N, C-alpha and C. Protein backbone atom coordinates (compact mmCIF):
# COMPACT_ATOMS: atom_id res chain seq x y z
N UNK A 1 0.81 -1.17 0.00
CA UNK A 1 0.00 0.00 0.00
C UNK A 1 0.86 1.24 0.00
N UNK A 2 0.21 2.36 0.36
CA UNK A 2 0.89 3.65 0.37
C UNK A 2 1.99 3.70 1.42
N UNK A 3 1.86 2.94 2.51
CA UNK A 3 2.90 2.95 3.54
C UNK A 3 4.24 2.51 2.97
N UNK A 4 4.21 1.61 1.99
CA UNK A 4 5.44 1.14 1.38
C UNK A 4 6.23 2.23 0.69
N UNK A 5 5.55 3.31 0.29
CA UNK A 5 6.22 4.41 -0.39
C UNK A 5 7.18 5.15 0.54
N UNK A 6 6.98 5.05 1.85
CA UNK A 6 7.85 5.75 2.80
C UNK A 6 8.98 4.86 3.31
N UNK A 7 9.02 3.60 2.90
CA UNK A 7 10.07 2.69 3.36
C UNK A 7 11.40 3.07 2.71
N UNK A 8 12.50 2.73 3.36
CA UNK A 8 13.81 3.02 2.77
C UNK A 8 13.97 2.33 1.41
N UNK A 9 14.57 3.04 0.48
CA UNK A 9 14.81 2.46 -0.85
C UNK A 9 15.92 1.42 -0.76
N UNK A 10 15.81 0.42 -1.60
CA UNK A 10 16.88 -0.59 -1.66
C UNK A 10 18.17 0.08 -2.09
N UNK A 11 19.26 -0.33 -1.48
CA UNK A 11 20.55 0.25 -1.80
C UNK A 11 21.19 -0.39 -3.02
N UNK A 12 22.18 0.27 -3.58
CA UNK A 12 22.98 -0.27 -4.67
C UNK A 12 24.40 -0.40 -4.15
N UNK A 13 24.97 -1.57 -4.33
CA UNK A 13 26.29 -1.86 -3.80
C UNK A 13 27.12 -2.58 -4.85
N UNK A 14 28.41 -2.43 -4.74
CA UNK A 14 29.32 -3.19 -5.59
C UNK A 14 29.78 -4.41 -4.80
N UNK A 15 29.63 -5.58 -5.41
CA UNK A 15 30.10 -6.81 -4.79
C UNK A 15 31.48 -7.11 -5.38
N UNK A 16 32.53 -7.04 -4.55
CA UNK A 16 33.87 -7.28 -5.07
C UNK A 16 34.06 -8.71 -5.56
N UNK A 17 34.89 -8.86 -6.58
CA UNK A 17 35.20 -10.19 -7.12
C UNK A 17 36.21 -10.88 -6.22
N UNK A 18 36.02 -12.17 -6.00
CA UNK A 18 36.98 -12.97 -5.23
C UNK A 18 38.00 -13.55 -6.21
N UNK A 19 39.26 -13.22 -6.02
CA UNK A 19 40.30 -13.78 -6.88
C UNK A 19 40.81 -15.10 -6.36
N UNK A 20 40.46 -15.42 -5.12
CA UNK A 20 40.73 -16.73 -4.54
C UNK A 20 39.45 -17.12 -3.82
N UNK A 21 38.85 -18.23 -4.19
CA UNK A 21 37.57 -18.64 -3.61
C UNK A 21 37.70 -18.91 -2.12
N UNK A 22 36.68 -18.55 -1.34
CA UNK A 22 36.73 -18.88 0.09
C UNK A 22 36.61 -20.38 0.31
N UNK A 23 37.22 -20.86 1.37
CA UNK A 23 37.05 -22.25 1.79
C UNK A 23 35.77 -22.29 2.61
N UNK A 24 34.83 -23.15 2.23
CA UNK A 24 33.56 -23.23 2.95
C UNK A 24 33.72 -24.17 4.14
N UNK A 25 33.95 -23.58 5.31
CA UNK A 25 34.16 -24.38 6.52
C UNK A 25 33.58 -23.71 7.77
N UNK A 26 32.84 -22.62 7.60
CA UNK A 26 32.26 -21.92 8.73
C UNK A 26 33.22 -20.94 9.40
N UNK A 27 34.44 -20.82 8.89
CA UNK A 27 35.45 -19.90 9.41
C UNK A 27 35.61 -18.78 8.38
N UNK A 28 35.35 -17.54 8.79
CA UNK A 28 35.36 -16.43 7.83
C UNK A 28 36.67 -15.65 7.81
N UNK A 29 37.77 -16.32 8.15
CA UNK A 29 39.07 -15.64 8.15
C UNK A 29 39.75 -15.66 6.77
N UNK A 30 39.13 -16.30 5.77
CA UNK A 30 39.70 -16.33 4.42
C UNK A 30 39.87 -14.92 3.85
N UNK A 31 40.88 -14.74 2.99
CA UNK A 31 41.10 -13.45 2.34
C UNK A 31 39.88 -13.03 1.52
N UNK A 32 39.20 -13.99 0.92
CA UNK A 32 38.03 -13.65 0.10
C UNK A 32 36.97 -12.91 0.91
N UNK A 33 36.75 -13.32 2.16
CA UNK A 33 35.75 -12.65 2.99
C UNK A 33 36.25 -11.28 3.44
N UNK A 34 37.56 -11.11 3.53
CA UNK A 34 38.11 -9.80 3.88
C UNK A 34 37.89 -8.77 2.79
N UNK A 35 37.77 -9.22 1.55
CA UNK A 35 37.52 -8.32 0.42
C UNK A 35 36.04 -8.15 0.11
N UNK A 36 35.19 -8.96 0.71
CA UNK A 36 33.76 -8.98 0.38
C UNK A 36 33.05 -7.70 0.84
N UNK A 37 31.91 -7.40 0.20
CA UNK A 37 31.06 -6.32 0.69
C UNK A 37 30.36 -6.84 1.95
N UNK A 38 30.22 -5.96 2.94
CA UNK A 38 29.64 -6.35 4.23
C UNK A 38 28.37 -5.56 4.46
N UNK A 39 27.31 -6.27 4.87
CA UNK A 39 26.03 -5.65 5.20
C UNK A 39 25.72 -5.91 6.67
N UNK A 40 25.47 -4.82 7.41
CA UNK A 40 25.13 -4.96 8.83
C UNK A 40 23.77 -4.36 9.16
N UNK A 41 23.23 -3.50 8.32
CA UNK A 41 21.93 -2.89 8.63
C UNK A 41 20.87 -3.98 8.68
N UNK A 42 20.02 -3.93 9.68
CA UNK A 42 18.99 -4.95 9.86
C UNK A 42 17.66 -4.27 10.19
N UNK A 43 16.67 -4.55 9.36
CA UNK A 43 15.34 -3.99 9.56
C UNK A 43 14.39 -5.08 10.03
N UNK A 44 13.79 -4.93 11.21
CA UNK A 44 12.79 -5.92 11.63
C UNK A 44 11.63 -5.93 10.64
N UNK A 45 10.96 -7.06 10.55
CA UNK A 45 9.85 -7.24 9.61
C UNK A 45 8.82 -6.13 9.78
N UNK A 46 8.44 -5.50 8.66
CA UNK A 46 7.43 -4.45 8.60
C UNK A 46 7.81 -3.18 9.37
N UNK A 47 9.10 -2.95 9.59
CA UNK A 47 9.53 -1.72 10.25
C UNK A 47 10.47 -0.96 9.32
N UNK A 48 10.46 0.38 9.47
CA UNK A 48 11.27 1.22 8.57
C UNK A 48 12.57 1.71 9.20
N UNK A 49 12.77 1.42 10.48
CA UNK A 49 13.99 1.85 11.15
C UNK A 49 14.85 0.62 11.45
N UNK A 50 16.16 0.73 11.18
CA UNK A 50 17.03 -0.42 11.44
C UNK A 50 17.27 -0.60 12.93
N UNK A 51 17.65 -1.82 13.31
CA UNK A 51 18.02 -2.10 14.69
C UNK A 51 19.30 -1.33 15.03
N UNK A 52 19.39 -0.84 16.25
CA UNK A 52 20.60 -0.15 16.69
C UNK A 52 21.77 -1.13 16.76
N UNK A 53 21.47 -2.37 17.15
CA UNK A 53 22.50 -3.40 17.24
C UNK A 53 22.06 -4.60 16.40
N UNK A 54 22.45 -4.65 15.15
CA UNK A 54 22.05 -5.76 14.29
C UNK A 54 22.59 -7.09 14.80
N UNK A 55 21.84 -8.15 14.56
CA UNK A 55 22.25 -9.48 15.01
C UNK A 55 22.89 -10.29 13.90
N UNK A 56 22.80 -9.83 12.67
CA UNK A 56 23.37 -10.58 11.54
C UNK A 56 24.33 -9.70 10.76
N UNK A 57 25.42 -10.30 10.30
CA UNK A 57 26.37 -9.63 9.41
C UNK A 57 26.53 -10.51 8.18
N UNK A 58 26.26 -9.93 7.02
CA UNK A 58 26.35 -10.63 5.74
C UNK A 58 27.59 -10.19 4.99
N UNK A 59 28.17 -11.13 4.24
CA UNK A 59 29.29 -10.85 3.34
C UNK A 59 28.96 -11.47 1.98
N UNK A 60 29.29 -10.74 0.90
CA UNK A 60 29.06 -11.25 -0.45
C UNK A 60 30.29 -11.01 -1.31
N UNK A 61 30.60 -12.00 -2.13
CA UNK A 61 31.64 -11.89 -3.14
C UNK A 61 31.29 -12.87 -4.26
N UNK A 62 32.10 -12.92 -5.32
CA UNK A 62 31.77 -13.77 -6.45
C UNK A 62 33.02 -14.09 -7.25
N UNK A 63 32.89 -15.12 -8.08
CA UNK A 63 33.88 -15.40 -9.11
C UNK A 63 33.12 -15.86 -10.35
N UNK A 64 33.81 -16.42 -11.33
CA UNK A 64 33.14 -16.79 -12.58
C UNK A 64 32.16 -17.94 -12.42
N UNK A 65 32.25 -18.67 -11.31
CA UNK A 65 31.41 -19.85 -11.12
C UNK A 65 30.34 -19.66 -10.06
N UNK A 66 30.66 -18.96 -8.98
CA UNK A 66 29.75 -18.89 -7.83
C UNK A 66 29.51 -17.47 -7.34
N UNK A 67 28.31 -17.28 -6.79
CA UNK A 67 28.02 -16.16 -5.90
C UNK A 67 28.25 -16.72 -4.50
N UNK A 68 29.12 -16.07 -3.73
CA UNK A 68 29.42 -16.54 -2.38
C UNK A 68 28.74 -15.64 -1.37
N UNK A 69 28.12 -16.24 -0.37
CA UNK A 69 27.49 -15.50 0.71
C UNK A 69 27.91 -16.12 2.04
N UNK A 70 28.14 -15.27 3.01
CA UNK A 70 28.44 -15.73 4.37
C UNK A 70 27.66 -14.85 5.33
N UNK A 71 27.11 -15.45 6.36
CA UNK A 71 26.38 -14.69 7.37
C UNK A 71 26.71 -15.24 8.75
N UNK A 72 26.95 -14.31 9.67
CA UNK A 72 27.08 -14.68 11.08
C UNK A 72 25.87 -14.10 11.80
N UNK A 73 25.25 -14.91 12.64
CA UNK A 73 24.04 -14.51 13.35
C UNK A 73 24.27 -14.70 14.85
N UNK A 74 24.00 -13.65 15.61
CA UNK A 74 24.06 -13.75 17.07
C UNK A 74 22.75 -14.40 17.54
N UNK A 75 22.85 -15.53 18.21
CA UNK A 75 21.66 -16.26 18.66
C UNK A 75 22.09 -17.26 19.72
N UNK A 76 21.68 -17.05 20.95
CA UNK A 76 22.12 -17.92 22.04
C UNK A 76 21.15 -19.07 22.32
N UNK A 77 20.04 -19.13 21.59
CA UNK A 77 19.11 -20.25 21.77
C UNK A 77 18.67 -20.77 20.40
N UNK A 78 19.60 -21.40 19.73
CA UNK A 78 19.38 -21.85 18.36
C UNK A 78 18.33 -22.96 18.30
N UNK A 79 17.36 -22.77 17.42
CA UNK A 79 16.31 -23.76 17.15
C UNK A 79 16.52 -24.25 15.72
N UNK A 80 17.12 -25.44 15.55
CA UNK A 80 17.46 -25.93 14.22
C UNK A 80 17.43 -27.46 14.18
N UNK A 81 16.24 -28.04 14.14
CA UNK A 81 16.18 -29.50 14.08
C UNK A 81 16.63 -30.01 12.72
N UNK A 82 17.08 -31.27 12.64
CA UNK A 82 17.41 -31.82 11.32
C UNK A 82 16.13 -31.93 10.48
N UNK A 83 16.24 -31.54 9.22
CA UNK A 83 15.09 -31.59 8.31
C UNK A 83 15.54 -32.15 6.97
N UNK A 84 14.64 -32.82 6.27
CA UNK A 84 14.91 -33.27 4.91
C UNK A 84 15.00 -32.07 3.98
N UNK A 85 15.62 -32.26 2.82
CA UNK A 85 15.71 -31.20 1.82
C UNK A 85 14.30 -30.70 1.51
N UNK A 86 14.14 -29.40 1.50
CA UNK A 86 12.90 -28.70 1.23
C UNK A 86 11.85 -28.88 2.32
N UNK A 87 12.31 -29.25 3.54
CA UNK A 87 11.43 -29.23 4.70
C UNK A 87 11.14 -27.78 5.08
N UNK A 88 10.36 -27.58 6.12
CA UNK A 88 9.94 -26.23 6.52
C UNK A 88 11.02 -25.56 7.37
N UNK A 89 12.14 -25.30 6.73
CA UNK A 89 13.29 -24.69 7.40
C UNK A 89 12.89 -23.33 7.97
N UNK A 90 12.03 -22.59 7.28
CA UNK A 90 11.64 -21.24 7.67
C UNK A 90 10.84 -21.21 8.98
N UNK A 91 10.41 -22.36 9.49
CA UNK A 91 9.71 -22.40 10.78
C UNK A 91 10.68 -22.39 11.96
N UNK A 92 11.97 -22.34 11.69
CA UNK A 92 13.00 -22.39 12.72
C UNK A 92 14.02 -21.29 12.46
N UNK A 93 15.03 -21.18 13.29
CA UNK A 93 16.08 -20.21 13.04
C UNK A 93 16.69 -20.51 11.67
N UNK A 94 16.92 -19.48 10.87
CA UNK A 94 17.46 -19.69 9.53
C UNK A 94 17.91 -18.37 8.93
N UNK A 95 18.61 -18.50 7.82
CA UNK A 95 18.94 -17.34 6.99
C UNK A 95 18.24 -17.56 5.65
N UNK A 96 17.94 -16.46 4.96
CA UNK A 96 17.24 -16.55 3.68
C UNK A 96 17.86 -15.60 2.67
N UNK A 97 18.01 -16.09 1.46
CA UNK A 97 18.44 -15.25 0.34
C UNK A 97 17.38 -15.36 -0.75
N UNK A 98 17.04 -14.23 -1.32
CA UNK A 98 16.17 -14.19 -2.49
C UNK A 98 17.02 -13.57 -3.59
N UNK A 99 17.22 -14.31 -4.68
CA UNK A 99 18.15 -13.91 -5.73
C UNK A 99 17.39 -13.74 -7.04
N UNK A 100 17.30 -12.50 -7.49
CA UNK A 100 16.57 -12.14 -8.70
C UNK A 100 17.55 -11.51 -9.69
N UNK A 101 18.10 -12.31 -10.62
CA UNK A 101 19.09 -11.75 -11.54
C UNK A 101 18.54 -10.65 -12.44
N UNK A 102 17.36 -10.83 -12.97
CA UNK A 102 16.81 -9.85 -13.91
C UNK A 102 15.40 -9.47 -13.44
N UNK A 103 15.23 -8.23 -13.04
CA UNK A 103 13.96 -7.79 -12.45
C UNK A 103 12.78 -7.99 -13.40
N UNK A 104 12.97 -7.73 -14.68
CA UNK A 104 11.85 -7.79 -15.64
C UNK A 104 11.24 -9.17 -15.78
N UNK A 105 12.03 -10.22 -15.58
CA UNK A 105 11.48 -11.57 -15.75
C UNK A 105 10.69 -12.04 -14.53
N UNK A 106 11.03 -11.53 -13.35
CA UNK A 106 10.34 -11.93 -12.13
C UNK A 106 10.65 -13.34 -11.67
N UNK A 107 11.69 -13.96 -12.22
CA UNK A 107 12.07 -15.31 -11.83
C UNK A 107 13.23 -15.24 -10.84
N UNK A 108 13.02 -15.84 -9.67
CA UNK A 108 14.04 -15.75 -8.63
C UNK A 108 14.12 -17.04 -7.82
N UNK A 109 15.27 -17.23 -7.19
CA UNK A 109 15.49 -18.36 -6.28
C UNK A 109 15.31 -17.88 -4.85
N UNK A 110 14.66 -18.71 -4.06
CA UNK A 110 14.61 -18.54 -2.62
C UNK A 110 15.48 -19.64 -2.03
N UNK A 111 16.45 -19.26 -1.19
CA UNK A 111 17.35 -20.22 -0.55
C UNK A 111 17.28 -19.98 0.95
N UNK A 112 16.88 -21.01 1.69
CA UNK A 112 16.74 -20.92 3.14
C UNK A 112 17.65 -21.99 3.75
N UNK A 113 18.51 -21.58 4.67
CA UNK A 113 19.47 -22.50 5.29
C UNK A 113 19.35 -22.39 6.81
N UNK A 114 19.23 -23.54 7.47
CA UNK A 114 19.22 -23.58 8.92
C UNK A 114 20.64 -23.65 9.47
N UNK A 115 20.83 -23.32 10.75
CA UNK A 115 22.16 -23.29 11.35
C UNK A 115 22.92 -24.62 11.30
N UNK A 116 22.20 -25.72 11.17
CA UNK A 116 22.88 -27.01 11.11
C UNK A 116 22.85 -27.61 9.70
N UNK A 117 22.52 -26.79 8.70
CA UNK A 117 22.63 -27.22 7.32
C UNK A 117 21.36 -27.66 6.63
N UNK A 118 20.20 -27.54 7.27
CA UNK A 118 18.94 -27.86 6.59
C UNK A 118 18.75 -26.89 5.43
N UNK A 119 18.26 -27.41 4.29
CA UNK A 119 18.13 -26.60 3.07
C UNK A 119 16.70 -26.61 2.56
N UNK A 120 16.19 -25.42 2.25
CA UNK A 120 14.98 -25.27 1.44
C UNK A 120 15.37 -24.37 0.30
N UNK A 121 15.14 -24.83 -0.94
CA UNK A 121 15.38 -23.97 -2.09
C UNK A 121 14.24 -24.16 -3.08
N UNK A 122 13.82 -23.06 -3.67
CA UNK A 122 12.69 -23.10 -4.60
C UNK A 122 12.84 -21.97 -5.61
N UNK A 123 12.41 -22.26 -6.84
CA UNK A 123 12.37 -21.22 -7.87
C UNK A 123 10.96 -20.63 -7.89
N UNK A 124 10.90 -19.31 -7.97
CA UNK A 124 9.62 -18.60 -7.98
C UNK A 124 9.48 -17.80 -9.28
N UNK A 125 8.26 -17.63 -9.70
CA UNK A 125 7.91 -16.70 -10.77
C UNK A 125 6.90 -15.73 -10.20
N UNK A 126 7.28 -14.48 -10.09
CA UNK A 126 6.46 -13.44 -9.47
C UNK A 126 5.25 -13.12 -10.32
N UNK A 127 4.08 -13.03 -9.66
CA UNK A 127 2.88 -12.50 -10.32
C UNK A 127 3.01 -10.98 -10.32
N UNK A 128 2.90 -10.36 -11.49
CA UNK A 128 3.05 -8.91 -11.53
C UNK A 128 1.77 -8.19 -11.16
N UNK A 129 0.62 -8.81 -11.38
CA UNK A 129 -0.64 -8.12 -11.08
C UNK A 129 -1.31 -8.64 -9.80
N UNK A 130 -0.69 -9.59 -9.14
CA UNK A 130 -1.25 -10.17 -7.92
C UNK A 130 -0.18 -10.27 -6.85
N UNK A 131 -0.60 -10.54 -5.62
CA UNK A 131 0.33 -10.80 -4.53
C UNK A 131 0.89 -12.21 -4.70
N UNK A 132 2.18 -12.39 -4.47
CA UNK A 132 2.76 -13.72 -4.44
C UNK A 132 3.39 -14.17 -5.74
N UNK A 133 3.58 -15.48 -5.84
CA UNK A 133 4.27 -16.07 -6.98
C UNK A 133 3.92 -17.54 -7.08
N UNK A 134 4.29 -18.14 -8.21
CA UNK A 134 4.25 -19.59 -8.30
C UNK A 134 5.58 -20.08 -7.74
N UNK A 135 5.54 -21.20 -7.05
CA UNK A 135 6.76 -21.71 -6.41
C UNK A 135 7.02 -23.13 -6.88
N UNK A 136 8.28 -23.42 -7.23
CA UNK A 136 8.70 -24.75 -7.64
C UNK A 136 9.71 -25.29 -6.63
N UNK A 137 9.21 -25.84 -5.51
CA UNK A 137 10.10 -26.41 -4.50
C UNK A 137 10.67 -27.75 -4.96
N UNK A 138 10.12 -28.31 -6.04
CA UNK A 138 10.65 -29.58 -6.56
C UNK A 138 11.98 -29.37 -7.29
N UNK A 139 12.32 -28.11 -7.60
CA UNK A 139 13.59 -27.81 -8.24
C UNK A 139 14.64 -27.53 -7.18
N UNK A 140 15.84 -28.00 -7.39
CA UNK A 140 16.94 -27.76 -6.46
C UNK A 140 18.05 -26.99 -7.16
N UNK A 141 18.75 -26.17 -6.42
CA UNK A 141 19.94 -25.49 -6.92
C UNK A 141 21.05 -26.53 -7.04
N UNK A 142 21.21 -27.07 -8.21
CA UNK A 142 22.22 -28.11 -8.43
C UNK A 142 23.60 -27.51 -8.26
N UNK A 143 24.42 -28.14 -7.45
CA UNK A 143 25.77 -27.64 -7.22
C UNK A 143 25.88 -26.67 -6.06
N UNK A 144 24.77 -26.40 -5.35
CA UNK A 144 24.82 -25.55 -4.16
C UNK A 144 25.77 -26.16 -3.15
N UNK A 145 26.70 -25.37 -2.64
CA UNK A 145 27.64 -25.83 -1.62
C UNK A 145 27.47 -24.97 -0.38
N UNK A 146 27.63 -25.59 0.79
CA UNK A 146 27.49 -24.81 2.01
C UNK A 146 28.25 -25.43 3.16
N UNK A 147 28.48 -24.62 4.16
CA UNK A 147 29.06 -25.07 5.42
C UNK A 147 28.40 -24.25 6.52
N UNK A 148 28.19 -24.87 7.67
CA UNK A 148 27.63 -24.17 8.82
C UNK A 148 28.50 -24.45 10.04
N UNK A 149 28.44 -23.54 10.97
CA UNK A 149 29.16 -23.72 12.24
C UNK A 149 28.32 -23.07 13.33
N UNK A 150 28.05 -23.81 14.39
CA UNK A 150 27.31 -23.25 15.52
C UNK A 150 28.24 -23.09 16.71
N UNK A 151 27.91 -22.13 17.57
CA UNK A 151 28.68 -21.87 18.78
C UNK A 151 27.70 -21.32 19.82
N UNK A 152 28.18 -21.11 21.03
CA UNK A 152 27.30 -20.61 22.10
C UNK A 152 26.71 -19.25 21.77
N UNK A 153 27.46 -18.43 21.04
CA UNK A 153 26.99 -17.07 20.76
C UNK A 153 26.19 -16.95 19.46
N UNK A 154 26.09 -18.03 18.67
CA UNK A 154 25.32 -17.95 17.43
C UNK A 154 25.79 -18.95 16.40
N UNK A 155 25.63 -18.59 15.13
CA UNK A 155 26.00 -19.52 14.06
C UNK A 155 26.49 -18.77 12.83
N UNK A 156 27.17 -19.52 11.98
CA UNK A 156 27.70 -19.00 10.72
C UNK A 156 27.26 -19.92 9.60
N UNK A 157 26.88 -19.35 8.47
CA UNK A 157 26.54 -20.10 7.26
C UNK A 157 27.37 -19.52 6.12
N UNK A 158 28.02 -20.40 5.35
CA UNK A 158 28.73 -20.00 4.13
C UNK A 158 28.08 -20.74 2.96
N UNK A 159 27.88 -20.04 1.87
CA UNK A 159 27.24 -20.61 0.69
C UNK A 159 28.02 -20.31 -0.57
N UNK A 160 28.00 -21.25 -1.50
CA UNK A 160 28.48 -21.03 -2.86
C UNK A 160 27.30 -21.40 -3.77
N UNK A 161 26.75 -20.40 -4.43
CA UNK A 161 25.57 -20.58 -5.28
C UNK A 161 26.03 -20.52 -6.72
N UNK A 162 25.85 -21.61 -7.49
CA UNK A 162 26.34 -21.62 -8.87
C UNK A 162 25.58 -20.63 -9.76
N UNK A 163 26.31 -19.75 -10.41
CA UNK A 163 25.67 -18.82 -11.34
C UNK A 163 24.92 -19.57 -12.44
N UNK A 164 25.44 -20.72 -12.86
CA UNK A 164 24.80 -21.47 -13.95
C UNK A 164 23.38 -21.88 -13.62
N UNK A 165 23.02 -21.91 -12.33
CA UNK A 165 21.67 -22.28 -11.90
C UNK A 165 20.73 -21.08 -11.80
N UNK A 166 21.27 -19.88 -11.90
CA UNK A 166 20.45 -18.68 -11.77
C UNK A 166 19.86 -18.28 -13.11
N UNK A 167 18.59 -17.88 -13.12
CA UNK A 167 18.01 -17.37 -14.37
C UNK A 167 18.89 -16.26 -14.92
N UNK A 168 19.01 -16.19 -16.20
CA UNK A 168 19.83 -15.21 -16.92
C UNK A 168 21.30 -15.59 -16.99
N UNK A 169 21.75 -16.57 -16.21
CA UNK A 169 23.16 -16.96 -16.23
C UNK A 169 23.37 -18.38 -16.74
N UNK A 170 22.32 -19.03 -17.19
CA UNK A 170 22.49 -20.41 -17.64
C UNK A 170 23.40 -20.51 -18.87
N UNK A 171 23.49 -19.43 -19.65
CA UNK A 171 24.33 -19.45 -20.85
C UNK A 171 25.39 -18.34 -20.85
N UNK A 172 25.49 -17.61 -19.75
CA UNK A 172 26.44 -16.50 -19.71
C UNK A 172 27.16 -16.48 -18.37
N UNK A 173 28.39 -16.06 -18.39
CA UNK A 173 29.18 -15.93 -17.17
C UNK A 173 28.89 -14.57 -16.53
N UNK A 174 28.99 -14.48 -15.21
CA UNK A 174 28.85 -13.17 -14.58
C UNK A 174 30.03 -12.28 -14.97
N UNK A 175 29.78 -10.99 -14.97
CA UNK A 175 30.83 -10.05 -15.36
C UNK A 175 30.70 -8.77 -14.56
N UNK A 176 31.80 -8.06 -14.45
CA UNK A 176 31.81 -6.77 -13.76
C UNK A 176 30.81 -5.84 -14.44
N UNK A 177 30.01 -5.15 -13.64
CA UNK A 177 29.03 -4.20 -14.16
C UNK A 177 27.62 -4.74 -14.26
N UNK A 178 27.45 -6.04 -14.14
CA UNK A 178 26.11 -6.60 -14.19
C UNK A 178 25.37 -6.32 -12.88
N UNK A 179 24.05 -6.39 -12.93
CA UNK A 179 23.22 -6.14 -11.76
C UNK A 179 22.59 -7.44 -11.29
N UNK A 180 22.55 -7.60 -9.97
CA UNK A 180 21.92 -8.76 -9.35
C UNK A 180 21.07 -8.22 -8.20
N UNK A 181 19.79 -8.56 -8.18
CA UNK A 181 18.89 -8.10 -7.14
C UNK A 181 18.83 -9.15 -6.03
N UNK A 182 19.03 -8.71 -4.79
CA UNK A 182 19.08 -9.63 -3.66
C UNK A 182 18.26 -9.10 -2.49
N UNK A 183 17.69 -10.02 -1.72
CA UNK A 183 17.16 -9.69 -0.41
C UNK A 183 17.78 -10.69 0.56
N UNK A 184 18.35 -10.19 1.64
CA UNK A 184 19.02 -11.01 2.64
C UNK A 184 18.24 -10.89 3.94
N UNK A 185 17.94 -12.03 4.56
CA UNK A 185 17.13 -12.02 5.78
C UNK A 185 17.56 -13.13 6.71
N UNK A 186 17.17 -13.01 7.96
CA UNK A 186 17.34 -14.11 8.90
C UNK A 186 16.14 -14.15 9.83
N UNK A 187 15.85 -15.32 10.35
CA UNK A 187 14.71 -15.50 11.24
C UNK A 187 15.22 -16.06 12.57
N UNK A 188 14.80 -15.43 13.64
CA UNK A 188 15.10 -15.91 14.99
C UNK A 188 13.76 -16.29 15.61
N UNK A 189 13.56 -17.57 15.89
CA UNK A 189 12.27 -18.03 16.40
C UNK A 189 12.06 -17.71 17.87
N UNK A 190 13.11 -17.29 18.57
CA UNK A 190 13.01 -16.90 19.97
C UNK A 190 13.70 -15.54 20.19
N UNK A 191 13.21 -14.48 19.54
CA UNK A 191 13.91 -13.20 19.66
C UNK A 191 13.82 -12.65 21.08
N UNK A 192 14.88 -11.99 21.51
CA UNK A 192 14.89 -11.32 22.81
C UNK A 192 14.06 -10.04 22.70
N UNK A 193 13.48 -9.63 23.81
CA UNK A 193 12.68 -8.40 23.81
C UNK A 193 13.57 -7.21 23.44
N UNK A 194 12.98 -6.24 22.78
CA UNK A 194 13.74 -5.04 22.37
C UNK A 194 14.13 -4.21 23.58
């Protein structure tokens, strides 16, 4: 509705290229993560002001084969049961990426990862005149690689998402100057009071 017109506009950022791929092991000390773009601003659902102390820090980088994402989440009461592929990961603590290579097509991947490695991935086609989209949870991101690490203070997820699986990249390599639309989110099923 009209309230959405007052929300902060999506930012534009440059995602640096990784000249040496990160090792996916839950440890973010790799040089690739040191060069990555870092996102710390966190907006609670349906709110227009960011948290003063964000609980998640995202890092993004890429090479000719993968889009790499890493997130660390502060969470002292992790809820992450083992789930089959495409189980209801979003009902528990998780991170979520929505990857829309080309806005005009409305085709995007939703990738949801739990702290212990549970995966939900689905391809969506956005309805332009209606709310929502068609969802294909029967499709998997072939070649998706990940690592997770949990600790008392929270968890870390590292991902390598193959560009070849993303719409618009099935026949083309990523290149400097191209645009990729992303939404990065995390869910805490037991949030502390503000």
